[in-house]
Amino acid sequence: MVGNAVSRQAQEWALGKDISLVVNVKKSLLERISRCTDATIIENLDDLIRKPITVGQCEHFYVEKYIEKRITDDNEVRESSKSLMFFKNCPKPFGCTVSISSLN
């Protein structure tokens, strides 16, 4: 999970290694996930050299997409989707919700 964009080359490398990649994650959300998974947040590449790094862990990670249908005032059916990321059995018993919304 990263707070900004990731180069195309890095995205393709992660895909080839079967690594999930989530981009443009807010810092506050990265901090919550870090607390739950016991991960070190890397602010820049120099941190890889200067800091001891802990890779976050959870027993099970998955994403589920939910479709919400609602009727507007003029009786039109509108759909919106919301994807939720789940981190199960993290080393620390804190909880957080990760919601990635996109309107269709």
PDB file of N, CA and C in Angstrom:
ATOM      1  N   MET A   1       0.848  -1.167   0.000  1.00  0.00           N
ATOM      2  CA  MET A   1       0.000   0.000   0.000  1.00  0.00           C
ATOM      3  C   MET A   1       0.887   1.221   0.000  1.00  0.00           C
ATOM      4  N   VAL A   2       0.558   2.126  -0.867  1.00  0.00           N
ATOM      5  CA  VAL A   2       1.366   3.335  -0.986  1.00  0.00           C
ATOM      6  C   VAL A   2       0.477   4.571  -0.958  1.00  0.00           C
ATOM      7  N   GLY A   3       1.066   5.672  -0.524  1.00  0.00           N
ATOM      8  CA  GLY A   3       0.341   6.919  -0.411  1.00  0.00           C
ATOM      9  C   GLY A   3       0.238   7.680  -1.714  1.00  0.00           C
ATOM     10  N   ASN A   4       1.032   7.346  -2.694  1.00  0.00           N
ATOM     11  CA  ASN A   4       1.031   8.051  -3.976  1.00  0.00           C
ATOM     12  C   ASN A   4       0.916   7.062  -5.121  1.00  0.00           C
ATOM     13  N   ALA A   5       1.256   7.539  -6.289  1.00  0.00           N
ATOM     14  CA  ALA A   5       1.246   6.688  -7.475  1.00  0.00           C
ATOM     15  C   ALA A   5       2.483   5.780  -7.474  1.00  0.00           C
ATOM     16  N   VAL A   6       2.427   4.757  -8.304  1.00  0.00           N
ATOM     17  CA  VAL A   6       3.531   3.814  -8.458  1.00  0.00           C
ATOM     18  C   VAL A   6       3.834   3.713  -9.942  1.00  0.00           C
ATOM     19  N   SER A   7       5.106   3.683 -10.287  1.00  0.00           N
ATOM     20  CA  SER A   7       5.481   3.622 -11.701  1.00  0.00           C
ATOM     21  C   SER A   7       4.921   2.362 -12.359  1.00  0.00           C
ATOM     22  N   ARG A   8       4.716   2.467 -13.646  1.00  0.00           N
ATOM     23  CA  ARG A   8       4.171   1.336 -14.413  1.00  0.00           C
ATOM     24  C   ARG A   8       5.064   0.107 -14.284  1.00  0.00           C
ATOM     25  N   GLN A   9       6.363   0.326 -14.318  1.00  0.00           N
ATOM     26  CA  GLN A   9       7.314  -0.789 -14.205  1.00  0.00           C
ATOM     27  C   GLN A   9       7.163  -1.492 -12.854  1.00  0.00           C
ATOM     28  N   ALA A  10       7.024  -0.729 -11.782  1.00  0.00           N
ATOM     29  CA  ALA A  10       6.849  -1.318 -10.450  1.00  0.00           C
ATOM     30  C   ALA A  10       5.510  -2.049 -10.354  1.00  0.00           C
ATOM     31  N   GLN A  11       4.471  -1.501 -10.992  1.00  0.00           N
ATOM     32  CA  GLN A  11       3.168  -2.173 -10.985  1.00  0.00           C
ATOM     33  C   GLN A  11       3.250  -3.519 -11.695  1.00  0.00           C
ATOM     34  N   GLU A  12       3.912  -3.549 -12.831  1.00  0.00           N
ATOM     35  CA  GLU A  12       4.048  -4.793 -13.587  1.00  0.00           C
ATOM     36  C   GLU A  12       4.880  -5.817 -12.826  1.00  0.00           C
ATOM     37  N   TRP A  13       5.939  -5.349 -12.134  1.00  0.00           N
ATOM     38  CA  TRP A  13       6.757  -6.247 -11.324  1.00  0.00           C
ATOM     39  C   TRP A  13       5.921  -6.871 -10.217  1.00  0.00           C
ATOM     40  N   ALA A  14       5.135  -6.051  -9.501  1.00  0.00           N
ATOM     41  CA  ALA A  14       4.289  -6.556  -8.414  1.00  0.00           C
ATOM     42  C   ALA A  14       3.266  -7.558  -8.945  1.00  0.00           C
ATOM     43  N   LEU A  15       2.661  -7.234 -10.081  1.00  0.00           N
ATOM     44  CA  LEU A  15       1.688  -8.142 -10.687  1.00  0.00           C
ATOM     45  C   LEU A  15       2.338  -9.479 -11.031  1.00  0.00           C
ATOM     46  N   GLY A  16       3.546  -9.434 -11.578  1.00  0.00           N
ATOM     47  CA  GLY A  16       4.266 -10.657 -11.928  1.00  0.00           C
ATOM     48  C   GLY A  16       4.636 -11.509 -10.721  1.00  0.00           C
ATOM     49  N   LYS A  17       4.760 -10.885  -9.556  1.00  0.00           N
ATOM     50  CA  LYS A  17       5.099 -11.605  -8.317  1.00  0.00           C
ATOM     51  C   LYS A  17       3.852 -11.940  -7.496  1.00  0.00           C
ATOM     52  N   ASP A  18       2.654 -11.676  -8.060  1.00  0.00           N
ATOM     53  CA  ASP A  18       1.381 -11.923  -7.385  1.00  0.00           C
ATOM     54  C   ASP A  18       1.269 -11.127  -6.078  1.00  0.00           C
ATOM     55  N   ILE A  19       1.707  -9.858  -6.149  1.00  0.00           N
ATOM     56  CA  ILE A  19       1.665  -8.956  -4.997  1.00  0.00           C
ATOM     57  C   ILE A  19       0.529  -7.965  -5.209  1.00  0.00           C
ATOM     58  N   SER A  20      -0.341  -7.860  -4.203  1.00  0.00           N
ATOM     59  CA  SER A  20      -1.425  -6.874  -4.270  1.00  0.00           C
ATOM     60  C   SER A  20      -0.837  -5.488  -4.091  1.00  0.00           C
ATOM     61  N   LEU A  21      -1.341  -4.533  -4.862  1.00  0.00           N
ATOM     62  CA  LEU A  21      -0.849  -3.159  -4.796  1.00  0.00           C
ATOM     63  C   LEU A  21      -2.043  -2.220  -4.712  1.00  0.00           C
ATOM     64  N   VAL A  22      -2.050  -1.364  -3.696  1.00  0.00           N
ATOM     65  CA  VAL A  22      -3.100  -0.366  -3.532  1.00  0.00           C
ATOM     66  C   VAL A  22      -2.402   0.985  -3.520  1.00  0.00           C
ATOM     67  N   VAL A  23      -2.816   1.876  -4.410  1.00  0.00           N
ATOM     68  CA  VAL A  23      -2.165   3.181  -4.551  1.00  0.00           C
ATOM     69  C   VAL A  23      -3.075   4.298  -4.053  1.00  0.00           C
ATOM     70  N   ASN A  24      -2.467   5.453  -3.815  1.00  0.00           N
ATOM     71  CA  ASN A  24      -3.171   6.661  -3.379  1.00  0.00           C
ATOM     72  C   ASN A  24      -3.953   6.461  -2.079  1.00  0.00           C
ATOM     73  N   VAL A  25      -3.328   5.804  -1.118  1.00  0.00           N
ATOM     74  CA  VAL A  25      -3.943   5.569   0.186  1.00  0.00           C
ATOM     75  C   VAL A  25      -3.582   6.738   1.101  1.00  0.00           C
ATOM     76  N   LYS A  26      -4.573   7.285   1.780  1.00  0.00           N
ATOM     77  CA  LYS A  26      -4.331   8.411   2.679  1.00  0.00           C
ATOM     78  C   LYS A  26      -3.404   7.996   3.815  1.00  0.00           C
ATOM     79  N   LYS A  27      -2.585   8.948   4.265  1.00  0.00           N
ATOM     80  CA  LYS A  27      -1.615   8.667   5.316  1.00  0.00           C
ATOM     81  C   LYS A  27      -2.289   8.168   6.591  1.00  0.00           C
ATOM     82  N   SER A  28      -3.409   8.768   6.960  1.00  0.00           N
ATOM     83  CA  SER A  28      -4.101   8.340   8.182  1.00  0.00           C
ATOM     84  C   SER A  28      -4.543   6.885   8.083  1.00  0.00           C
ATOM     85  N   LEU A  29      -4.945   6.452   6.895  1.00  0.00           N
ATOM     86  CA  LEU A  29      -5.341   5.065   6.694  1.00  0.00           C
ATOM     87  C   LEU A  29      -4.126   4.142   6.724  1.00  0.00           C
ATOM     88  N   LEU A  30      -3.024   4.569   6.117  1.00  0.00           N
ATOM     89  CA  LEU A  30      -1.790   3.783   6.194  1.00  0.00           C
ATOM     90  C   LEU A  30      -1.363   3.586   7.643  1.00  0.00           C
ATOM     91  N   GLU A  31      -1.520   4.627   8.452  1.00  0.00           N
ATOM     92  CA  GLU A  31      -1.150   4.528   9.872  1.00  0.00           C
ATOM     93  C   GLU A  31      -2.029   3.526  10.609  1.00  0.00           C
ATOM     94  N   ARG A  32      -3.327   3.513  10.314  1.00  0.00           N
ATOM     95  CA  ARG A  32      -4.229   2.549  10.962  1.00  0.00           C
ATOM     96  C   ARG A  32      -3.886   1.119  10.570  1.00  0.00           C
ATOM     97  N   ILE A  33      -3.644   0.906   9.276  1.00  0.00           N
ATOM     98  CA  ILE A  33      -3.297  -0.433   8.803  1.00  0.00           C
ATOM     99  C   ILE A  33      -1.963  -0.857   9.403  1.00  0.00           C
ATOM    100  N   SER A  34      -1.034   0.074   9.513  1.00  0.00           N
ATOM    101  CA  SER A  34       0.266  -0.200  10.110  1.00  0.00           C
ATOM    102  C   SER A  34       0.125  -0.680  11.550  1.00  0.00           C
ATOM    103  N   ARG A  35      -0.754  -0.022  12.309  1.00  0.00           N
ATOM    104  CA  ARG A  35      -0.964  -0.431  13.704  1.00  0.00           C
ATOM    105  C   ARG A  35      -1.529  -1.839  13.784  1.00  0.00           C
ATOM    106  N   CYS A  36      -2.461  -2.171  12.899  1.00  0.00           N
ATOM    107  CA  CYS A  36      -3.097  -3.489  12.939  1.00  0.00           C
ATOM    108  C   CYS A  36      -2.156  -4.604  12.492  1.00  0.00           C
ATOM    109  N   THR A  37      -1.376  -4.335  11.465  1.00  0.00           N
ATOM    110  CA  THR A  37      -0.525  -5.381  10.886  1.00  0.00           C
ATOM    111  C   THR A  37       0.894  -5.371  11.437  1.00  0.00           C
ATOM    112  N   ASP A  38       1.187  -4.391  12.290  1.00  0.00           N
ATOM    113  CA  ASP A  38       2.519  -4.237  12.886  1.00  0.00           C
ATOM    114  C   ASP A  38       3.582  -3.950  11.819  1.00  0.00           C
ATOM    115  N   ALA A  39       3.224  -3.127  10.833  1.00  0.00           N
ATOM    116  CA  ALA A  39       4.123  -2.801   9.729  1.00  0.00           C
ATOM    117  C   ALA A  39       4.815  -1.463   9.962  1.00  0.00           C
ATOM    118  N   THR A  40       5.984  -1.304   9.374  1.00  0.00           N
ATOM    119  CA  THR A  40       6.695  -0.037   9.375  1.00  0.00           C
ATOM    120  C   THR A  40       6.264   0.761   8.154  1.00  0.00           C
ATOM    121  N   ILE A  41       5.938   2.027   8.358  1.00  0.00           N
ATOM    122  CA  ILE A  41       5.624   2.906   7.230  1.00  0.00           C
ATOM    123  C   ILE A  41       6.929   3.509   6.734  1.00  0.00           C
ATOM    124  N   ILE A  42       7.175   3.389   5.447  1.00  0.00           N
ATOM    125  CA  ILE A  42       8.384   3.927   4.835  1.00  0.00           C
ATOM    126  C   ILE A  42       8.011   5.235   4.166  1.00  0.00           C
ATOM    127  N   GLU A  43       8.543   6.341   4.675  1.00  0.00           N
ATOM    128  CA  GLU A  43       8.230   7.667   4.126  1.00  0.00           C
ATOM    129  C   GLU A  43       8.977   7.938   2.822  1.00  0.00           C
ATOM    130  N   ASN A  44      10.214   7.433   2.709  1.00  0.00           N
ATOM    131  CA  ASN A  44      10.995   7.606   1.485  1.00  0.00           C
ATOM    132  C   ASN A  44      12.007   6.475   1.398  1.00  0.00           C
ATOM    133  N   LEU A  45      12.669   6.360   0.276  1.00  0.00           N
ATOM    134  CA  LEU A  45      13.579   5.233   0.068  1.00  0.00           C
ATOM    135  C   LEU A  45      14.762   5.225   1.024  1.00  0.00           C
ATOM    136  N   ASP A  46      15.154   6.397   1.529  1.00  0.00           N
ATOM    137  CA  ASP A  46      16.250   6.443   2.501  1.00  0.00           C
ATOM    138  C   ASP A  46      15.893   5.703   3.780  1.00  0.00           C
ATOM    139  N   ASP A  47      14.600   5.631   4.110  1.00  0.00           N
ATOM    140  CA  ASP A  47      14.163   4.909   5.305  1.00  0.00           C
ATOM    141  C   ASP A  47      14.530   3.426   5.235  1.00  0.00           C
ATOM    142  N   LEU A  48      14.610   2.889   4.018  1.00  0.00           N
ATOM    143  CA  LEU A  48      14.978   1.478   3.873  1.00  0.00           C
ATOM    144  C   LEU A  48      16.377   1.206   4.409  1.00  0.00           C
ATOM    145  N   ILE A  49      17.229   2.206   4.355  1.00  0.00           N
ATOM    146  CA  ILE A  49      18.610   2.060   4.805  1.00  0.00           C
ATOM    147  C   ILE A  49      18.745   2.425   6.283  1.00  0.00           C
ATOM    148  N   ARG A  50      18.055   3.476   6.700  1.00  0.00           N
ATOM    149  CA  ARG A  50      18.234   4.020   8.046  1.00  0.00           C
ATOM    150  C   ARG A  50      17.414   3.353   9.136  1.00  0.00           C
ATOM    151  N   LYS A  51      16.258   2.828   8.813  1.00  0.00           N
ATOM    152  CA  LYS A  51      15.338   2.302   9.823  1.00  0.00           C
ATOM    153  C   LYS A  51      15.280   0.782   9.772  1.00  0.00           C
ATOM    154  N   PRO A  52      15.049   0.162  10.927  1.00  0.00           N
ATOM    155  CA  PRO A  52      14.701  -1.264  10.866  1.00  0.00           C
ATOM    156  C   PRO A  52      13.267  -1.382  10.340  1.00  0.00           C
ATOM    157  N   ILE A  53      13.059  -2.221   9.367  1.00  0.00           N
ATOM    158  CA  ILE A  53      11.772  -2.334   8.688  1.00  0.00           C
ATOM    159  C   ILE A  53      11.066  -3.616   9.125  1.00  0.00           C
ATOM    160  N   THR A  54       9.775  -3.495   9.429  1.00  0.00           N
ATOM    161  CA  THR A  54       8.945  -4.653   9.717  1.00  0.00           C
ATOM    162  C   THR A  54       7.874  -4.736   8.642  1.00  0.00           C
ATOM    163  N   VAL A  55       7.800  -5.861   7.972  1.00  0.00           N
ATOM    164  CA  VAL A  55       6.768  -6.068   6.967  1.00  0.00           C
ATOM    165  C   VAL A  55       5.501  -6.480   7.699  1.00  0.00           C
ATOM    166  N   GLY A  56       4.396  -5.792   7.410  1.00  0.00           N
ATOM    167  CA  GLY A  56       3.136  -6.097   8.075  1.00  0.00           C
ATOM    168  C   GLY A  56       2.626  -7.479   7.702  1.00  0.00           C
ATOM    169  N   GLN A  57       1.851  -8.046   8.627  1.00  0.00           N
ATOM    170  CA  GLN A  57       1.338  -9.386   8.403  1.00  0.00           C
ATOM    171  C   GLN A  57      -0.115  -9.485   8.835  1.00  0.00           C
ATOM    172  N   CYS A  58      -0.836 -10.323   8.143  1.00  0.00           N
ATOM    173  CA  CYS A  58      -2.156 -10.754   8.579  1.00  0.00           C
ATOM    174  C   CYS A  58      -2.336 -12.158   8.012  1.00  0.00           C
ATOM    175  N   GLU A  59      -3.163 -12.925   8.665  1.00  0.00           N
ATOM    176  CA  GLU A  59      -3.340 -14.307   8.228  1.00  0.00           C
ATOM    177  C   GLU A  59      -4.093 -14.390   6.904  1.00  0.00           C
ATOM    178  N   HIS A  60      -5.039 -13.466   6.716  1.00  0.00           N
ATOM    179  CA  HIS A  60      -5.867 -13.521   5.506  1.00  0.00           C
ATOM    180  C   HIS A  60      -6.207 -12.106   5.059  1.00  0.00           C
ATOM    181  N   PHE A  61      -5.994 -11.820   3.777  1.00  0.00           N
ATOM    182  CA  PHE A  61      -6.320 -10.519   3.184  1.00  0.00           C
ATOM    183  C   PHE A  61      -7.176 -10.753   1.951  1.00  0.00           C
ATOM    184  N   TYR A  62      -8.279 -10.016   1.858  1.00  0.00           N
ATOM    185  CA  TYR A  62      -9.103 -10.130   0.661  1.00  0.00           C
ATOM    186  C   TYR A  62      -9.912  -8.852   0.462  1.00  0.00           C
ATOM    187  N   VAL A  63     -10.447  -8.698  -0.749  1.00  0.00           N
ATOM    188  CA  VAL A  63     -11.254  -7.538  -1.118  1.00  0.00           C
ATOM    189  C   VAL A  63     -12.619  -8.048  -1.560  1.00  0.00           C
ATOM    190  N   GLU A  64     -13.661  -7.404  -1.077  1.00  0.00           N
ATOM    191  CA  GLU A  64     -15.021  -7.729  -1.508  1.00  0.00           C
ATOM    192  C   GLU A  64     -15.683  -6.470  -2.042  1.00  0.00           C
ATOM    193  N   LYS A  65     -16.398  -6.621  -3.136  1.00  0.00           N
ATOM    194  CA  LYS A  65     -17.104  -5.498  -3.751  1.00  0.00           C
ATOM    195  C   LYS A  65     -18.592  -5.644  -3.472  1.00  0.00           C
ATOM    196  N   TYR A  66     -19.187  -4.558  -3.022  1.00  0.00           N
ATOM    197  CA  TYR A  66     -20.607  -4.536  -2.712  1.00  0.00           C
ATOM    198  C   TYR A  66     -21.291  -3.537  -3.647  1.00  0.00           C
ATOM    199  N   ILE A  67     -22.450  -3.917  -4.158  1.00  0.00           N
ATOM    200  CA  ILE A  67     -23.242  -3.047  -5.015  1.00  0.00           C
ATOM    201  C   ILE A  67     -24.455  -2.582  -4.212  1.00  0.00           C
ATOM    202  N   GLU A  68     -24.649  -1.284  -4.182  1.00  0.00           N
ATOM    203  CA  GLU A  68     -25.799  -0.724  -3.484  1.00  0.00           C
ATOM    204  C   GLU A  68     -26.748  -0.142  -4.528  1.00  0.00           C
ATOM    205  N   LYS A  69     -27.991  -0.569  -4.467  1.00  0.00           N
ATOM    206  CA  LYS A  69     -29.011  -0.033  -5.362  1.00  0.00           C
ATOM    207  C   LYS A  69     -29.930   0.840  -4.530  1.00  0.00           C
ATOM    208  N   ARG A  70     -30.225   2.022  -5.065  1.00  0.00           N
ATOM    209  CA  ARG A  70     -31.165   2.899  -4.359  1.00  0.00           C
ATOM    210  C   ARG A  70     -32.049   3.582  -5.388  1.00  0.00           C
ATOM    211  N   ILE A  71     -33.214   3.946  -4.926  1.00  0.00           N
ATOM    212  CA  ILE A  71     -34.177   4.608  -5.799  1.00  0.00           C
ATOM    213  C   ILE A  71     -34.159   6.094  -5.489  1.00  0.00           C
ATOM    214  N   THR A  72     -34.004   6.893  -6.529  1.00  0.00           N
ATOM    215  CA  THR A  72     -33.964   8.348  -6.365  1.00  0.00           C
ATOM    216  C   THR A  72     -35.384   8.894  -6.215  1.00  0.00           C
ATOM    217  N   ASP A  73     -35.461  10.189  -5.951  1.00  0.00           N
ATOM    218  CA  ASP A  73     -36.766  10.832  -5.795  1.00  0.00           C
ATOM    219  C   ASP A  73     -37.633  10.718  -7.048  1.00  0.00           C
ATOM    220  N   ASP A  74     -36.997  10.655  -8.220  1.00  0.00           N
ATOM    221  CA  ASP A  74     -37.776  10.526  -9.462  1.00  0.00           C
ATOM    222  C   ASP A  74     -37.868   9.069  -9.934  1.00  0.00           C
ATOM    223  N   ASN A  75     -37.784   8.133  -8.972  1.00  0.00           N
ATOM    224  CA  ASN A  75     -37.967   6.690  -9.181  1.00  0.00           C
ATOM    225  C   ASN A  75     -36.975   6.059 -10.154  1.00  0.00           C
ATOM    226  N   GLU A  76     -35.790   6.608 -10.272  1.00  0.00           N
ATOM    227  CA  GLU A  76     -34.723   5.978 -11.051  1.00  0.00           C
ATOM    228  C   GLU A  76     -33.906   5.101 -10.109  1.00  0.00           C
ATOM    229  N   VAL A  77     -33.450   3.975 -10.643  1.00  0.00           N
ATOM    230  CA  VAL A  77     -32.601   3.090  -9.847  1.00  0.00           C
ATOM    231  C   VAL A  77     -31.152   3.482 -10.096  1.00  0.00           C
ATOM    232  N   ARG A  78     -30.448   3.804  -9.044  1.00  0.00           N
ATOM    233  CA  ARG A  78     -29.029   4.166  -9.132  1.00  0.00           C
ATOM    234  C   ARG A  78     -28.219   3.095  -8.425  1.00  0.00           C
ATOM    235  N   GLU A  79     -27.100   2.757  -9.027  1.00  0.00           N
ATOM    236  CA  GLU A  79     -26.188   1.788  -8.415  1.00  0.00           C
ATOM    237  C   GLU A  79     -24.880   2.474  -8.077  1.00  0.00           C
ATOM    238  N   SER A  80     -24.350   2.129  -6.938  1.00  0.00           N
ATOM    239  CA  SER A  80     -23.004   2.561  -6.590  1.00  0.00           C
ATOM    240  C   SER A  80     -22.299   1.347  -6.007  1.00  0.00           C
ATOM    241  N   SER A  81     -20.997   1.342  -6.149  1.00  0.00           N
ATOM    242  CA  SER A  81     -20.246   0.189  -5.637  1.00  0.00           C
ATOM    243  C   SER A  81     -19.255   0.652  -4.584  1.00  0.00           C
ATOM    244  N   LYS A  82     -18.972  -0.247  -3.693  1.00  0.00           N
ATOM    245  CA  LYS A  82     -18.008   0.016  -2.640  1.00  0.00           C
ATOM    246  C   LYS A  82     -17.184  -1.257  -2.463  1.00  0.00           C
ATOM    247  N   SER A  83     -15.873  -1.106  -2.475  1.00  0.00           N
ATOM    248  CA  SER A  83     -14.990  -2.249  -2.245  1.00  0.00           C
ATOM    249  C   SER A  83     -14.394  -2.127  -0.853  1.00  0.00           C
ATOM    250  N   LEU A  84     -14.462  -3.205  -0.103  1.00  0.00           N
ATOM    251  CA  LEU A  84     -13.900  -3.236   1.246  1.00  0.00           C
ATOM    252  C   LEU A  84     -12.730  -4.205   1.285  1.00  0.00           C
ATOM    253  N   MET A  85     -11.645  -3.785   1.929  1.00  0.00           N
ATOM    254  CA  MET A  85     -10.483  -4.646   2.112  1.00  0.00           C
ATOM    255  C   MET A  85     -10.533  -5.197   3.528  1.00  0.00           C
ATOM    256  N   PHE A  86     -10.317  -6.491   3.645  1.00  0.00           N
ATOM    257  CA  PHE A  86     -10.365  -7.148   4.943  1.00  0.00           C
ATOM    258  C   PHE A  86      -8.981  -7.689   5.303  1.00  0.00           C
ATOM    259  N   PHE A  87      -8.570  -7.419   6.519  1.00  0.00           N
ATOM    260  CA  PHE A  87      -7.318  -7.930   7.073  1.00  0.00           C
ATOM    261  C   PHE A  87      -7.707  -8.786   8.268  1.00  0.00           C
ATOM    262  N   LYS A  88      -7.607 -10.091   8.154  1.00  0.00           N
ATOM    263  CA  LYS A  88      -8.061 -10.990   9.215  1.00  0.00           C
ATOM    264  C   LYS A  88      -6.871 -11.552   9.992  1.00  0.00           C
ATOM    265  N   ASN A  89      -7.084 -11.691  11.288  1.00  0.00           N
ATOM    266  CA  ASN A  89      -6.094 -12.271  12.209  1.00  0.00           C
ATOM    267  C   ASN A  89      -4.751 -11.545  12.135  1.00  0.00           C
ATOM    268  N   CYS A  90      -4.804 -10.260  12.399  1.00  0.00           N
ATOM    269  CA  CYS A  90      -3.591  -9.444  12.456  1.00  0.00           C
ATOM    270  C   CYS A  90      -2.889  -9.678  13.795  1.00  0.00           C
ATOM    271  N   PRO A  91      -1.578  -9.377  13.875  1.00  0.00           N
ATOM    272  CA  PRO A  91      -0.842  -9.605  15.121  1.00  0.00           C
ATOM    273  C   PRO A  91      -1.348  -8.751  16.289  1.00  0.00           C
ATOM    274  N   LYS A  92      -1.915  -7.594  15.997  1.00  0.00           N
ATOM    275  CA  LYS A  92      -2.433  -6.735  17.062  1.00  0.00           C
ATOM    276  C   LYS A  92      -3.951  -6.698  16.954  1.00  0.00           C
ATOM    277  N   PRO A  93      -4.638  -6.844  18.070  1.00  0.00           N
ATOM    278  CA  PRO A  93      -6.100  -6.958  18.026  1.00  0.00           C
ATOM    279  C   PRO A  93      -6.822  -5.611  17.904  1.00  0.00           C
ATOM    280  N   PHE A  94      -6.342  -4.731  17.026  1.00  0.00           N
ATOM    281  CA  PHE A  94      -7.037  -3.478  16.751  1.00  0.00           C
ATOM    282  C   PHE A  94      -7.902  -3.696  15.523  1.00  0.00           C
ATOM    283  N   GLY A  95      -8.836  -2.838  15.315  1.00  0.00           N
ATOM    284  CA  GLY A  95      -9.680  -2.975  14.136  1.00  0.00           C
ATOM    285  C   GLY A  95      -9.666  -1.713  13.307  1.00  0.00           C
ATOM    286  N   CYS A  96      -9.852  -1.860  12.022  1.00  0.00           N
ATOM    287  CA  CYS A  96     -10.025  -0.709  11.148  1.00  0.00           C
ATOM    288  C   CYS A  96     -10.790  -1.163   9.922  1.00  0.00           C
ATOM    289  N   THR A  97     -11.397  -0.238   9.256  1.00  0.00           N
ATOM    290  CA  THR A  97     -12.139  -0.519   8.041  1.00  0.00           C
ATOM    291  C   THR A  97     -11.482   0.238   6.905  1.00  0.00           C
ATOM    292  N   VAL A  98     -11.281  -0.434   5.793  1.00  0.00           N
ATOM    293  CA  VAL A  98     -10.713   0.203   4.610  1.00  0.00           C
ATOM    294  C   VAL A  98     -11.802   0.194   3.552  1.00  0.00           C
ATOM    295  N   SER A  99     -12.228   1.356   3.123  1.00  0.00           N
ATOM    296  CA  SER A  99     -13.289   1.480   2.144  1.00  0.00           C
ATOM    297  C   SER A  99     -12.759   2.184   0.913  1.00  0.00           C
ATOM    298  N   ILE A 100     -12.894   1.558  -0.247  1.00  0.00           N
ATOM    299  CA  ILE A 100     -12.470   2.149  -1.506  1.00  0.00           C
ATOM    300  C   ILE A 100     -13.740   2.345  -2.329  1.00  0.00           C
ATOM    301  N   SER A 101     -14.174   3.571  -2.457  1.00  0.00           N
ATOM    302  CA  SER A 101     -15.447   3.842  -3.124  1.00  0.00           C
ATOM    303  C   SER A 101     -15.243   4.268  -4.563  1.00  0.00           C
ATOM    304  N   SER A 102     -16.128   3.830  -5.400  1.00  0.00           N
ATOM    305  CA  SER A 102     -16.181   4.315  -6.775  1.00  0.00           C
ATOM    306  C   SER A 102     -17.634   4.354  -7.178  1.00  0.00           C
ATOM    307  N   LEU A 103     -18.053   5.457  -7.737  1.00  0.00           N
ATOM    308  CA  LEU A 103     -19.438   5.586  -8.159  1.00  0.00           C
ATOM    309  C   LEU A 103     -19.545   5.212  -9.616  1.00  0.00           C
ATOM    310  N   ASN A 104     -20.525   4.415  -9.928  1.00  0.00           N
ATOM    311  CA  ASN A 104     -20.731   3.987 -11.313  1.00  0.00           C
ATOM    312  C   ASN A 104     -21.822   4.797 -11.956  1.00  0.00           C
TER     313      ASN A 104
END
